[in-house]
Amino acid sequence: MRHISIDATLEAIVENMAKQRIKLGTLDNTNPFMPPITEMLTWLRGPADYPALLWSAQQEIGLVKPSLNTLKNLFKSGVTPRSARQVEANIGKLVEHYDVRASADQILSEMPLASGENGVRWLFFPRGVIEGVRRHKPFDEIEIGQTIAFLQRRAEAEAGLISVVLRSESIGLSKKEKAGYLRKAMSELLSQHVLIGAEDIRMYCDAVVTLKSYRRSYSHKKISAALRGHFYLRVDFYHQLFANFMADIVSSHGLLDPSHGFEKDLVEQGVMVDLIPTLEDAELVTPTEKLYKLWSRLFSSGGEPMSYRQMATHIPSPKPERTRRAGADSAPDMYDSIYETQRGRMAEWRDGTVPNTEQLVKFLESLVGDSRNILLPFLMTRMSTIWTAWIKQEKKQLDDLVSAVPALAEHLSFEDYLFSFSRYPAYWAKARAQADR
């Protein structure tokens, strides 16, 4: 395969400078087989699209131009050659600042950029994260080869899925023949890569192809099958991603020196099993609620679970000027105000608010008692926050949809969504088996 370097890719941004407007790639596609990375970033309150992601990154290193609107136009209507040169220079500075040139060159040589695909974008993300983690001992030897291998396979399969759709448009088939071709090709490809039942795959492919090919054949049953399959495929992607990532961490667990029971849970269950969302008395119990309840047991002393009031005291104290209130100038009043702030923050975190990274690190160092042992709790927090934001979003969207179209309630059930989520142990077993080979 022809080698593609980061420099060659940057040059492509400003190639054909004689043109009046220059456009870079496309915005996200919503393929559930490999969802856009910005979906996960929004669950962590991060940038919602690639222009915002570039804007945020360049601000972090003090670059103010080009503007966010210019970056948006880069992916839509195009920008002037001068603006394109600014983007090229900024990306080069970001690559150097985060020291990811070698990783970028490797990714681009393995998987050329392709318009409309999410795979390449996903391949950059975990490597960037792990490059940051490796800057801190004792995590400088952590590898995520299994995670990258999964993303590589999925990216190649995503390209194959796109090719199937494009080929169906170009080989001169009748509408009926094209529908049959798409159903068969999609089913075969999905069956090779996902841990979803054959019947669910069949129903999804049939529904999607029917709705695409026969626009007057809409039915509540077909629409429901497409929506349900869309969720199942996203669950499959994120469960495989997280399970493989945790399997990589397990492979490095000798470096992490887990304590407080983490090692047993990590190896046997992949940690996240205890945090799967459930319904109790018709109320959603979120992963973040379960996370802090788990910690109240794991980090207790004396046999009794730690109260949330006590746990809140491990949250860094806010600055006095942020807690000062009328009539609260005395030391006892200031202490009460700080304590109320800590308790409020604990309640927000349990409800799914994304913790500030610095506050979270200090909280975990205090709670765990050893800064070298906070990587796993940190990852659990981020992953449970993602799960919580996601499942809340899905529940609201499903409730709103059923409220607007009551007939869909006969075919769509939030319990089915939760059941799909609950299959994480199967994904962990597969990831562990691959790691053991």
Protein backbone atom coordinates (compact mmCIF):
# COMPACT_ATOMS: atom_id res chain seq x y z
CA MET A 1 0.00 0.00 0.00
CA ARG A 2 1.27 3.52 -0.80
CA HIS A 3 2.66 5.23 2.30
CA ILE A 4 0.76 8.35 3.32
CA SER A 5 2.39 10.67 5.85
CA ILE A 6 0.87 13.38 7.99
CA ASP A 7 2.81 15.94 5.92
CA ALA A 8 1.28 14.63 2.70
CA THR A 9 -2.15 14.77 4.27
CA LEU A 10 -1.66 18.36 5.40
CA GLU A 11 -0.49 19.29 1.92
CA ALA A 12 -3.73 17.85 0.55
CA ILE A 13 -5.64 20.50 2.49
CA VAL A 14 -4.11 23.26 0.41
CA GLU A 15 -3.65 21.43 -2.85
CA ASN A 16 -5.14 23.15 -5.89
CA MET A 17 -4.72 26.56 -4.26
CA ALA A 18 -5.71 28.23 -7.47
CA LYS A 19 -9.28 27.30 -6.71
CA GLN A 20 -11.38 30.02 -5.15
CA ARG A 21 -12.82 27.90 -2.32
CA ILE A 22 -11.22 24.92 -0.56
CA LYS A 23 -13.19 22.25 1.27
CA LEU A 24 -11.90 19.53 3.59
CA GLY A 25 -13.66 16.15 3.69
CA THR A 26 -17.14 15.86 5.13
CA LEU A 27 -18.85 16.15 8.44
CA ASP A 28 -19.84 13.03 10.42
CA ASN A 29 -22.01 10.32 8.99
CA THR A 30 -24.41 8.62 11.40
CA ASN A 31 -23.62 5.02 10.49
CA PRO A 32 -24.44 3.04 13.68
CA PHE A 33 -21.94 0.34 12.73
CA MET A 34 -19.19 2.88 13.46
CA PRO A 35 -20.75 5.99 15.00
CA PRO A 36 -19.08 9.40 14.72
CA ILE A 37 -16.54 10.05 17.46
CA THR A 38 -18.20 13.37 18.22
CA GLU A 39 -21.20 11.44 19.56
CA MET A 40 -19.10 10.12 22.43
CA LEU A 41 -17.41 13.48 22.93
CA THR A 42 -20.77 15.20 23.41
CA TRP A 43 -21.62 12.69 26.17
CA LEU A 44 -18.48 13.98 27.89
CA ARG A 45 -19.58 17.58 27.21
CA GLY A 46 -16.90 17.88 24.54
CA PRO A 47 -17.04 19.43 21.06
CA ALA A 48 -20.11 18.37 19.10
CA ASP A 49 -18.50 18.29 15.65
CA TYR A 50 -15.12 18.46 13.92
CA PRO A 51 -15.04 22.24 13.45
CA ALA A 52 -15.66 22.65 17.20
CA LEU A 53 -13.05 19.98 17.96
CA LEU A 54 -10.42 21.77 15.86
CA TRP A 55 -11.39 25.11 17.39
CA SER A 56 -11.10 23.73 20.93
CA ALA A 57 -7.73 22.11 20.18
CA GLN A 58 -6.20 25.22 18.65
CA GLN A 59 -7.44 27.36 21.57
CA GLU A 60 -5.68 25.02 24.01
CA ILE A 61 -2.32 25.93 22.48
CA GLY A 62 -3.08 29.63 22.09
CA LEU A 63 -4.11 29.79 18.43
CA VAL A 64 -7.02 32.17 17.82
CA LYS A 65 -7.30 31.99 14.02
CA PRO A 66 -9.05 30.86 11.94
CA SER A 67 -12.41 31.46 13.62
CA LEU A 68 -14.95 28.77 14.45
CA ASN A 69 -17.17 29.97 11.59
CA THR A 70 -14.26 29.60 9.17
CA LEU A 71 -13.64 26.06 10.39
CA LYS A 72 -17.32 25.25 9.89
CA ASN A 73 -17.12 26.54 6.33
CA LEU A 74 -14.03 24.38 5.73
CA PHE A 75 -16.28 21.31 6.03
CA LYS A 76 -19.29 22.85 4.26
CA SER A 77 -19.08 25.60 1.63
CA GLY A 78 -15.29 25.88 1.54
CA VAL A 79 -12.76 28.56 2.57
CA THR A 80 -10.20 30.82 0.93
CA PRO A 81 -6.67 29.54 0.22
CA ARG A 82 -5.34 31.84 2.97
CA SER A 83 -7.65 30.29 5.57
CA ALA A 84 -6.76 26.81 4.34
CA ARG A 85 -3.08 27.61 4.89
CA GLN A 86 -3.88 28.70 8.45
CA VAL A 87 -5.64 25.40 9.10
CA GLU A 88 -2.72 23.46 7.64
CA ALA A 89 -0.26 25.33 9.86
CA ASN A 90 -2.42 24.86 12.96
CA ILE A 91 -2.82 21.12 12.44
CA GLY A 92 0.94 20.85 12.03
CA LYS A 93 1.42 22.72 15.32
CA LEU A 94 -1.10 20.48 17.08
CA VAL A 95 0.65 17.36 15.81
CA GLU A 96 3.96 18.66 17.13
CA HIS A 97 2.51 19.93 20.43
CA TYR A 98 0.89 16.59 21.29
CA ASP A 99 3.83 14.62 19.88
CA VAL A 100 1.65 12.33 17.75
CA ARG A 101 3.44 12.59 14.40
CA ALA A 102 4.60 8.96 14.46
CA SER A 103 1.10 7.70 15.32
CA ALA A 104 -0.46 9.90 12.66
CA ASP A 105 1.94 8.67 9.98
CA GLN A 106 1.23 5.06 10.95
CA ILE A 107 -2.54 5.50 10.83
CA LEU A 108 -2.49 7.26 7.50
CA SER A 109 -0.24 4.64 5.95
CA GLU A 110 -2.58 1.88 7.13
CA MET A 111 -5.90 3.56 6.35
CA PRO A 112 -6.05 6.34 3.74
CA LEU A 113 -8.55 9.09 4.47
CA ALA A 114 -11.87 8.50 2.78
CA SER A 115 -14.71 10.95 2.48
CA GLY A 116 -17.71 10.03 4.62
CA GLU A 117 -15.99 7.43 6.79
CA ASN A 118 -15.73 7.67 10.58
CA GLY A 119 -13.07 4.97 10.91
CA VAL A 120 -9.93 7.05 10.38
CA ARG A 121 -11.16 9.64 12.86
CA TRP A 122 -11.66 6.93 15.46
CA LEU A 123 -8.18 5.56 14.87
CA PHE A 124 -6.62 8.89 15.83
CA PHE A 125 -8.57 9.35 19.09
CA PRO A 126 -7.40 6.49 21.37
CA ARG A 127 -3.80 6.89 20.30
CA GLY A 128 -3.93 10.55 21.25
CA VAL A 129 -5.45 9.69 24.63
CA ILE A 130 -2.85 7.05 25.38
CA GLU A 131 0.00 9.36 24.32
CA GLY A 132 -1.20 11.74 27.04
CA VAL A 133 -1.47 8.97 29.63
CA ARG A 134 2.04 7.71 28.85
CA ARG A 135 3.51 11.02 29.91
CA HIS A 136 2.82 10.07 33.54
CA LYS A 137 4.65 7.26 35.32
CA PRO A 138 3.92 4.45 35.98
CA PHE A 139 1.68 4.43 32.89
CA ASP A 140 4.38 5.12 30.29
CA GLU A 141 4.45 1.47 29.18
CA ILE A 142 0.70 0.99 28.67
CA GLU A 143 -0.22 -0.34 25.22
CA ILE A 144 -3.64 -0.41 23.52
CA GLY A 145 -2.87 -2.73 20.64
CA GLN A 146 -6.09 -4.72 20.98
CA THR A 147 -8.19 -1.55 20.92
CA ILE A 148 -6.42 -0.29 17.80
CA ALA A 149 -6.80 -3.69 16.14
CA PHE A 150 -10.56 -3.61 16.79
CA LEU A 151 -10.89 -0.09 15.40
CA GLN A 152 -8.80 -1.06 12.37
CA ARG A 153 -11.05 -4.05 11.61
CA ARG A 154 -14.18 -1.99 12.13
CA ALA A 155 -12.90 0.87 9.96
CA GLU A 156 -12.10 -1.53 7.13
CA ALA A 157 -15.54 -3.13 7.51
CA GLU A 158 -17.17 0.32 7.51
CA ALA A 159 -15.45 1.06 4.22
CA GLY A 160 -16.76 -2.26 2.92
CA LEU A 161 -20.29 -1.38 4.04
CA ILE A 162 -20.12 1.95 2.23
CA SER A 163 -18.81 0.16 -0.87
CA VAL A 164 -21.76 -2.24 -0.78
CA VAL A 165 -24.20 0.67 -0.86
CA LEU A 166 -22.31 2.49 -3.62
CA ARG A 167 -21.99 -0.68 -5.71
CA SER A 168 -25.73 -1.31 -5.48
CA GLU A 169 -26.28 2.04 -7.18
CA SER A 170 -23.92 1.35 -10.07
CA ILE A 171 -24.47 -2.21 -11.28
CA GLY A 172 -27.73 -1.67 -13.11
CA LEU A 173 -30.08 -3.74 -10.95
CA SER A 174 -33.83 -3.41 -10.77
CA LYS A 175 -35.30 -2.03 -7.55
CA LYS A 176 -36.19 -5.52 -6.36
CA GLU A 177 -32.77 -6.95 -7.28
CA LYS A 178 -30.99 -4.03 -5.61
CA ALA A 179 -32.99 -4.55 -2.40
CA GLY A 180 -32.12 -8.24 -2.36
CA TYR A 181 -28.45 -7.50 -3.02
CA LEU A 182 -28.30 -4.97 -0.19
CA ARG A 183 -30.06 -7.24 2.32
CA LYS A 184 -27.72 -10.12 1.61
CA ALA A 185 -24.50 -8.09 1.52
CA MET A 186 -25.33 -6.09 4.66
CA SER A 187 -26.38 -9.18 6.60
CA GLU A 188 -23.21 -11.07 5.69
CA LEU A 189 -20.94 -8.18 6.61
CA LEU A 190 -22.66 -7.45 9.93
CA SER A 191 -22.69 -11.14 10.88
CA GLN A 192 -18.89 -11.21 10.61
CA HIS A 193 -18.32 -8.27 12.95
CA VAL A 194 -21.09 -7.88 15.54
CA LEU A 195 -22.33 -9.89 18.52
CA ILE A 196 -25.98 -9.42 17.65
CA GLY A 197 -28.43 -12.27 17.09
CA ALA A 198 -28.96 -13.41 13.50
CA GLU A 199 -32.68 -12.63 13.66
CA ASP A 200 -32.07 -9.09 14.90
CA ILE A 201 -29.56 -8.56 12.07
CA ARG A 202 -32.04 -9.90 9.53
CA MET A 203 -34.86 -7.68 10.81
CA TYR A 204 -32.65 -4.60 10.83
CA CYS A 205 -31.29 -5.12 7.31
CA ASP A 206 -34.74 -5.90 5.96
CA ALA A 207 -36.23 -2.80 7.60
CA VAL A 208 -33.46 -0.43 6.48
CA VAL A 209 -33.43 -1.70 2.90
CA THR A 210 -37.22 -1.68 2.65
CA LEU A 211 -37.47 1.87 3.99
CA LYS A 212 -34.69 3.00 1.63
CA SER A 213 -35.97 1.20 -1.46
CA TYR A 214 -39.75 1.44 -1.05
CA ARG A 215 -40.48 4.81 0.47
CA ARG A 216 -44.22 4.18 0.43
CA SER A 217 -43.85 0.94 2.39
CA TYR A 218 -43.41 2.66 5.74
CA SER A 219 -44.98 0.77 8.61
CA HIS A 220 -44.68 1.12 12.36
CA LYS A 221 -43.14 -2.34 12.53
CA LYS A 222 -40.45 -1.57 9.94
CA ILE A 223 -39.62 1.81 11.47
CA SER A 224 -39.38 0.23 14.92
CA ALA A 225 -37.08 -2.52 13.64
CA ALA A 226 -34.80 0.07 12.04
CA LEU A 227 -34.68 2.19 15.20
CA ARG A 228 -34.08 -0.81 17.45
CA GLY A 229 -31.35 -2.17 15.19
CA HIS A 230 -29.73 1.25 15.02
CA PHE A 231 -29.42 1.21 18.83
CA TYR A 232 -28.24 -2.41 18.95
CA LEU A 233 -25.45 -1.67 16.47
CA ARG A 234 -24.25 1.33 18.47
CA VAL A 235 -24.28 -0.75 21.65
CA ASP A 236 -22.24 -3.38 19.85
CA PHE A 237 -19.65 -0.84 18.74
CA TYR A 238 -19.22 0.85 22.12
CA HIS A 239 -19.27 -2.43 24.07
CA GLN A 240 -16.58 -3.89 21.81
CA LEU A 241 -14.57 -0.67 22.06
CA PHE A 242 -14.72 -0.46 25.86
CA ALA A 243 -14.19 -4.20 26.39
CA ASN A 244 -11.10 -4.23 24.19
CA PHE A 245 -9.79 -1.10 25.86
CA MET A 246 -10.23 -2.60 29.33
CA ALA A 247 -8.59 -5.82 28.09
CA ASP A 248 -5.58 -3.73 27.12
CA ILE A 249 -5.55 -2.22 30.61
CA VAL A 250 -5.73 -5.70 32.13
CA SER A 251 -2.65 -6.64 30.15
CA SER A 252 -0.89 -3.76 31.90
CA HIS A 253 -2.36 -4.44 35.35
CA GLY A 254 1.04 -5.38 36.73
CA LEU A 255 2.03 -1.77 36.13
CA LEU A 256 -1.13 -0.43 37.75
CA ASP A 257 -0.93 -2.38 41.02
CA PRO A 258 -4.74 -2.42 41.52
CA SER A 259 -6.06 -2.54 45.07
CA HIS A 260 -9.35 -2.51 46.98
CA GLY A 261 -10.69 -5.47 45.01
CA PHE A 262 -10.23 -3.85 41.58
CA GLU A 263 -7.92 -6.56 40.29
CA LYS A 264 -10.43 -9.37 40.75
CA ASP A 265 -13.28 -7.34 39.25
CA LEU A 266 -11.11 -6.14 36.40
CA VAL A 267 -9.93 -9.56 35.30
CA GLU A 268 -13.17 -11.44 35.89
CA GLN A 269 -15.71 -8.84 34.81
CA GLY A 270 -13.97 -5.93 33.15
CA VAL A 271 -15.10 -3.62 35.98
CA MET A 272 -18.03 -2.13 34.06
CA VAL A 273 -20.34 -5.10 34.61
CA ASP A 274 -21.43 -3.69 37.98
CA LEU A 275 -22.35 -0.38 36.34
CA ILE A 276 -24.81 -1.54 33.65
CA PRO A 277 -28.02 0.57 33.78
CA THR A 278 -31.16 -1.12 35.07
CA LEU A 279 -34.77 -0.39 35.91
CA GLU A 280 -35.83 -0.66 39.55
CA ASP A 281 -39.50 -0.01 40.33
CA ALA A 282 -39.85 1.47 36.85
CA GLU A 283 -37.08 4.01 37.60
CA LEU A 284 -33.81 4.14 35.68
CA VAL A 285 -30.75 3.42 37.83
CA THR A 286 -27.84 4.94 35.95
CA PRO A 287 -24.22 3.79 35.73
CA THR A 288 -22.99 6.86 37.62
CA GLU A 289 -25.37 6.13 40.50
CA LYS A 290 -24.01 2.59 40.62
CA LEU A 291 -20.42 3.80 40.37
CA TYR A 292 -20.49 5.92 43.51
CA LYS A 293 -22.47 3.26 45.34
CA LEU A 294 -19.75 0.76 44.40
CA TRP A 295 -17.08 3.12 45.68
CA SER A 296 -18.94 3.59 48.95
CA ARG A 297 -18.34 -0.12 49.54
CA LEU A 298 -14.86 -0.49 48.07
CA PHE A 299 -13.34 2.50 49.86
CA SER A 300 -15.11 2.11 53.20
CA SER A 301 -13.36 1.54 56.48
CA GLY A 302 -14.77 -0.40 59.41
CA GLY A 303 -17.10 -2.61 57.38
CA GLU A 304 -19.87 -0.05 56.81
CA PRO A 305 -20.32 1.59 53.40
CA MET A 306 -19.01 5.13 53.19
CA SER A 307 -21.81 7.70 53.21
CA TYR A 308 -22.07 10.11 50.30
CA ARG A 309 -21.64 12.96 52.78
CA GLN A 310 -18.30 11.49 53.81
CA MET A 311 -17.33 10.76 50.21
CA ALA A 312 -18.05 14.39 49.29
CA THR A 313 -15.33 15.58 51.67
CA HIS A 314 -12.76 14.07 49.29
CA ILE A 315 -13.82 16.53 46.57
CA PRO A 316 -11.36 19.45 46.46
CA SER A 317 -12.53 22.42 48.48
CA PRO A 318 -13.70 25.30 46.28
CA LYS A 319 -11.93 28.61 46.50
CA PRO A 320 -13.30 30.76 49.37
CA GLU A 321 -14.48 33.53 47.03
CA ARG A 322 -16.70 31.00 45.26
CA THR A 323 -18.42 29.92 48.45
CA ARG A 324 -18.68 33.27 50.23
CA ARG A 325 -22.25 34.33 50.84
CA ALA A 326 -23.99 37.05 52.77
CA GLY A 327 -23.48 36.64 56.51
CA ALA A 328 -21.05 33.69 56.02
CA ASP A 329 -17.79 35.43 56.90
CA SER A 330 -17.01 33.44 60.03
CA ALA A 331 -14.92 30.25 59.87
CA PRO A 332 -17.85 27.93 60.81
CA ASP A 333 -20.08 29.57 58.21
CA MET A 334 -17.37 29.29 55.57
CA TYR A 335 -16.86 25.62 56.43
CA ASP A 336 -20.60 24.95 56.09
CA SER A 337 -20.66 26.74 52.75
CA ILE A 338 -17.70 24.72 51.43
CA TYR A 339 -19.28 21.49 52.66
CA GLU A 340 -22.58 22.36 50.94
CA THR A 341 -20.68 22.98 47.70
CA GLN A 342 -18.93 19.61 47.97
CA ARG A 343 -22.21 17.81 48.68
CA GLY A 344 -23.89 19.54 45.76
CA ARG A 345 -21.06 18.53 43.46
CA MET A 346 -21.24 14.93 44.65
CA ALA A 347 -24.98 14.88 43.89
CA GLU A 348 -24.30 16.28 40.41
CA TRP A 349 -21.62 13.66 39.70
CA ARG A 350 -23.91 10.86 40.82
CA ASP A 351 -26.60 12.25 38.51
CA GLY A 352 -24.22 12.10 35.55
CA THR A 353 -22.59 15.54 35.37
CA VAL A 354 -19.14 15.26 33.78
CA PRO A 355 -16.53 15.98 36.50
CA ASN A 356 -13.84 18.53 35.78
CA THR A 357 -10.67 16.53 35.08
CA GLU A 358 -8.51 18.31 37.67
CA GLN A 359 -11.19 18.02 40.36
CA LEU A 360 -11.77 14.36 39.54
CA VAL A 361 -8.06 13.50 39.74
CA LYS A 362 -7.69 15.22 43.13
CA PHE A 363 -10.88 13.57 44.39
CA LEU A 364 -9.66 10.11 43.38
CA GLU A 365 -6.19 10.67 44.83
CA SER A 366 -7.81 11.54 48.15
CA LEU A 367 -10.39 8.74 48.00
CA VAL A 368 -8.01 5.97 46.88
CA GLY A 369 -5.06 7.22 48.90
CA ASP A 370 -2.45 6.60 46.20
CA SER A 371 -2.07 8.63 43.03
CA ARG A 372 -0.58 5.62 41.21
CA ASN A 373 -3.81 3.67 41.63
CA ILE A 374 -6.29 6.15 40.19
CA LEU A 375 -6.18 5.18 36.51
CA LEU A 376 -8.87 2.49 36.80
CA PRO A 377 -11.26 4.62 38.90
CA PHE A 378 -10.66 7.48 36.48
CA LEU A 379 -11.54 5.30 33.48
CA MET A 380 -14.57 3.91 35.28
CA THR A 381 -15.79 7.45 35.92
CA ARG A 382 -15.43 8.52 32.32
CA MET A 383 -16.99 5.33 30.95
CA SER A 384 -19.91 5.37 33.40
CA THR A 385 -20.51 9.05 32.58
CA ILE A 386 -20.66 8.16 28.89
CA TRP A 387 -23.10 5.33 29.58
CA THR A 388 -25.29 7.54 31.77
CA ALA A 389 -25.52 10.38 29.25
CA TRP A 390 -26.21 7.89 26.47
CA ILE A 391 -28.92 5.86 28.18
CA LYS A 392 -30.66 9.02 29.44
CA GLN A 393 -30.60 10.40 25.91
CA GLU A 394 -32.03 7.19 24.47
CA LYS A 395 -34.81 7.04 27.07
CA LYS A 396 -35.85 10.62 26.45
CA GLN A 397 -35.81 10.17 22.68
CA LEU A 398 -37.82 6.95 22.93
CA ASP A 399 -40.33 8.51 25.34
CA ASP A 400 -40.75 11.53 23.05
CA LEU A 401 -41.12 9.31 19.98
CA VAL A 402 -43.74 7.06 21.53
CA SER A 403 -45.58 10.11 22.83
CA ALA A 404 -45.69 11.56 19.32
CA VAL A 405 -46.53 8.21 17.63
CA PRO A 406 -48.29 6.00 20.23
CA ALA A 407 -48.56 3.08 17.80
CA LEU A 408 -44.78 2.59 18.06
CA ALA A 409 -45.18 1.52 21.70
CA GLU A 410 -46.41 -1.85 20.41
CA HIS A 411 -43.01 -2.53 18.83
CA LEU A 412 -40.45 -0.49 20.82
CA SER A 413 -39.57 -1.09 24.46
CA PHE A 414 -36.99 0.59 26.66
CA GLU A 415 -36.56 -2.76 28.38
CA ASP A 416 -35.28 -4.16 25.07
CA TYR A 417 -32.71 -1.36 24.96
CA LEU A 418 -31.57 -2.16 28.49
CA PHE A 419 -31.34 -5.86 27.67
CA SER A 420 -29.03 -5.03 24.78
CA PHE A 421 -26.93 -2.94 27.16
CA SER A 422 -26.83 -5.78 29.70
CA ARG A 423 -24.94 -8.05 27.28
CA TYR A 424 -21.63 -6.36 28.08
CA PRO A 425 -20.32 -9.55 29.83
CA ALA A 426 -20.44 -11.36 26.47
CA TYR A 427 -18.31 -8.64 24.92
CA TRP A 428 -15.88 -8.76 27.83
CA ALA A 429 -15.56 -12.54 27.48
CA LYS A 430 -14.73 -12.16 23.79
CA ALA A 431 -12.17 -9.43 24.45
CA ARG A 432 -10.50 -11.44 27.22
CA ALA A 433 -10.35 -14.54 25.00
CA GLN A 434 -8.64 -12.51 22.28
CA ALA A 435 -6.18 -11.08 24.81
CA ASP A 436 -5.31 -14.58 26.09
CA ARG A 437 -4.44 -15.85 22.60
